[in-house]
Amino acid sequence: MKLSTKGQYGVRAMIVIAEYSKNGKYISINDIALREKISSGYLERIISKLKKAGFVKSERGANGGYILGKEPKDIKMFDIMSVLEDNIDVIECVDIGVFEKCDNHSSCKARKLWLKVNAAVENVLKNTTLEDII
């Protein structure tokens, strides 16, 4: 599995926003972008998805920016990745629909391994909160 930059940058941005939110402070896109060395335009599209999912809230104005929309303990990494990544499976064939179309589906011995790896990754993401990271 290779996570896209959307997932990677989204997690990094959420960490920064969480750190600022501890003190009730908002942080601007530009400040996050400078701190994390991410394009502010690209980051804006990522944070827009996170906002739609309720993970962050925004405020306009001089002291505005972004703040967490939920408590860090209530934000699981799996939920963030699910919003930002098209697919977080380690390999396509763990999806039963894809597997059934595979020429080797009736004789594949490796799929059990990929299912275990996928389950382990999913388990880590589902059991790690933003609070655990910050």
Protein backbone atom coordinates (compact mmCIF):
# COMPACT_ATOMS: atom_id res chain seq x y z
CA MET A 1 0.00 0.00 0.00
CA LYS A 2 1.18 3.44 -0.84
CA LEU A 3 -0.76 6.25 0.72
CA SER A 4 -1.28 9.30 -1.43
CA THR A 5 -0.06 12.72 -0.41
CA LYS A 6 -3.69 13.58 0.41
CA GLY A 7 -3.66 11.08 3.25
CA GLN A 8 -0.16 11.92 4.40
CA TYR A 9 -0.66 15.69 4.33
CA GLY A 10 -4.13 15.41 5.84
CA VAL A 11 -2.80 13.57 8.89
CA ARG A 12 0.04 16.07 9.26
CA ALA A 13 -2.37 19.00 9.00
CA MET A 14 -4.71 17.43 11.56
CA ILE A 15 -1.80 17.07 13.99
CA VAL A 16 -0.91 20.75 13.62
CA ILE A 17 -4.54 21.83 13.97
CA ALA A 18 -4.92 19.62 17.06
CA GLU A 19 -1.84 21.14 18.67
CA TYR A 20 -3.22 24.66 18.17
CA SER A 21 -6.72 23.62 19.22
CA LYS A 22 -5.46 22.57 22.65
CA ASN A 23 -5.21 26.26 23.50
CA GLY A 24 -8.41 27.20 21.70
CA LYS A 25 -6.44 28.81 18.89
CA TYR A 26 -7.25 28.77 15.21
CA ILE A 27 -4.48 28.27 12.65
CA SER A 28 -4.51 29.49 9.07
CA ILE A 29 -3.95 27.38 5.97
CA ASN A 30 -0.85 29.43 5.20
CA ASP A 31 0.64 28.79 8.64
CA ILE A 32 0.03 25.04 8.32
CA ALA A 33 1.44 25.06 4.78
CA LEU A 34 4.59 26.91 5.85
CA ARG A 35 5.13 24.74 8.89
CA GLU A 36 4.62 21.47 6.99
CA LYS A 37 6.10 22.62 3.65
CA ILE A 38 2.91 21.83 1.74
CA SER A 39 1.32 23.85 -1.07
CA SER A 40 -1.42 25.98 0.49
CA GLY A 41 -3.71 25.42 -2.52
CA TYR A 42 -3.40 21.65 -2.26
CA LEU A 43 -3.76 21.79 1.52
CA GLU A 44 -6.93 23.86 1.14
CA ARG A 45 -8.55 21.09 -0.94
CA ILE A 46 -7.55 18.49 1.65
CA ILE A 47 -8.83 20.50 4.59
CA SER A 48 -12.06 21.19 2.73
CA LYS A 49 -12.75 17.43 2.76
CA LEU A 50 -11.87 17.23 6.44
CA LYS A 51 -14.21 20.14 7.15
CA LYS A 52 -17.10 18.48 5.27
CA ALA A 53 -16.54 15.38 7.42
CA GLY A 54 -16.75 17.50 10.59
CA PHE A 55 -13.15 16.97 11.70
CA VAL A 56 -12.35 20.67 11.52
CA LYS A 57 -14.25 23.95 11.72
CA SER A 58 -13.25 27.28 10.25
CA GLU A 59 -13.54 30.89 11.28
CA ARG A 60 -13.03 33.89 9.03
CA GLY A 61 -11.21 37.05 9.98
CA ALA A 62 -7.90 38.19 11.41
CA ASN A 63 -7.87 35.60 14.18
CA GLY A 64 -9.57 32.97 12.07
CA GLY A 65 -8.39 29.77 10.51
CA TYR A 66 -9.06 26.16 11.43
CA ILE A 67 -9.71 24.40 14.71
CA LEU A 68 -10.74 20.84 15.49
CA GLY A 69 -14.44 20.08 15.05
CA LYS A 70 -14.26 17.12 17.44
CA GLU A 71 -12.20 16.08 20.42
CA PRO A 72 -8.87 14.47 19.41
CA LYS A 73 -9.88 11.29 21.26
CA ASP A 74 -12.90 11.00 18.94
CA ILE A 75 -10.95 11.28 15.69
CA LYS A 76 -9.58 7.97 14.48
CA MET A 77 -6.87 7.78 11.85
CA PHE A 78 -9.03 5.33 9.90
CA ASP A 79 -11.77 7.95 9.61
CA ILE A 80 -9.34 10.60 8.37
CA MET A 81 -7.84 8.22 5.82
CA SER A 82 -11.28 7.07 4.68
CA VAL A 83 -12.22 10.68 3.91
CA LEU A 84 -9.01 11.44 2.05
CA GLU A 85 -7.98 8.21 0.33
CA ASP A 86 -9.93 6.55 -2.46
CA ASN A 87 -8.89 3.14 -1.18
CA ILE A 88 -6.76 2.11 1.78
CA ASP A 89 -6.49 -1.57 0.92
CA VAL A 90 -2.93 -2.89 0.75
CA ILE A 91 -3.65 -4.63 -2.55
CA GLU A 92 -6.66 -4.61 -4.87
CA CYS A 93 -7.56 -8.25 -4.40
CA VAL A 94 -8.65 -7.82 -0.78
CA ASP A 95 -11.78 -6.30 -2.30
CA ILE A 96 -14.01 -9.30 -3.02
CA GLY A 97 -15.37 -7.73 -6.21
CA VAL A 98 -11.87 -7.30 -7.61
CA PHE A 99 -10.77 -10.72 -6.38
CA GLU A 100 -13.63 -12.53 -8.10
CA LYS A 101 -12.58 -10.96 -11.43
CA CYS A 102 -8.96 -12.10 -11.02
CA ASP A 103 -7.81 -14.93 -13.30
CA ASN A 104 -6.11 -16.60 -10.31
CA HIS A 105 -8.93 -16.27 -7.79
CA SER A 106 -9.61 -19.99 -7.59
CA SER A 107 -5.97 -20.94 -6.99
CA CYS A 108 -4.49 -17.90 -5.23
CA LYS A 109 -2.65 -18.82 -2.05
CA ALA A 110 -1.30 -15.33 -1.41
CA ARG A 111 -4.69 -13.68 -0.80
CA LYS A 112 -4.84 -14.95 2.80
CA LEU A 113 -1.60 -13.10 3.49
CA TRP A 114 -2.92 -9.88 1.92
CA LEU A 115 -6.12 -10.14 3.93
CA LYS A 116 -4.10 -10.45 7.16
CA VAL A 117 -1.85 -7.52 6.24
CA ASN A 118 -4.88 -5.43 5.29
CA ALA A 119 -6.62 -6.30 8.57
CA ALA A 120 -3.51 -5.35 10.55
CA VAL A 121 -3.24 -1.95 8.84
CA GLU A 122 -6.96 -1.34 9.31
CA ASN A 123 -6.66 -2.34 12.98
CA VAL A 124 -3.84 0.16 13.59
CA LEU A 125 -5.77 2.97 11.87
CA LYS A 126 -9.02 2.15 13.69
CA ASN A 127 -7.31 1.96 17.08
CA THR A 128 -5.18 5.08 16.78
CA THR A 129 -6.76 8.42 17.58
CA LEU A 130 -5.48 11.90 16.97
CA GLU A 131 -5.06 12.17 20.73
CA ASP A 132 -2.71 9.16 20.68
CA ILE A 133 -0.48 10.98 18.22
CA ILE A 134 -0.42 14.40 19.82
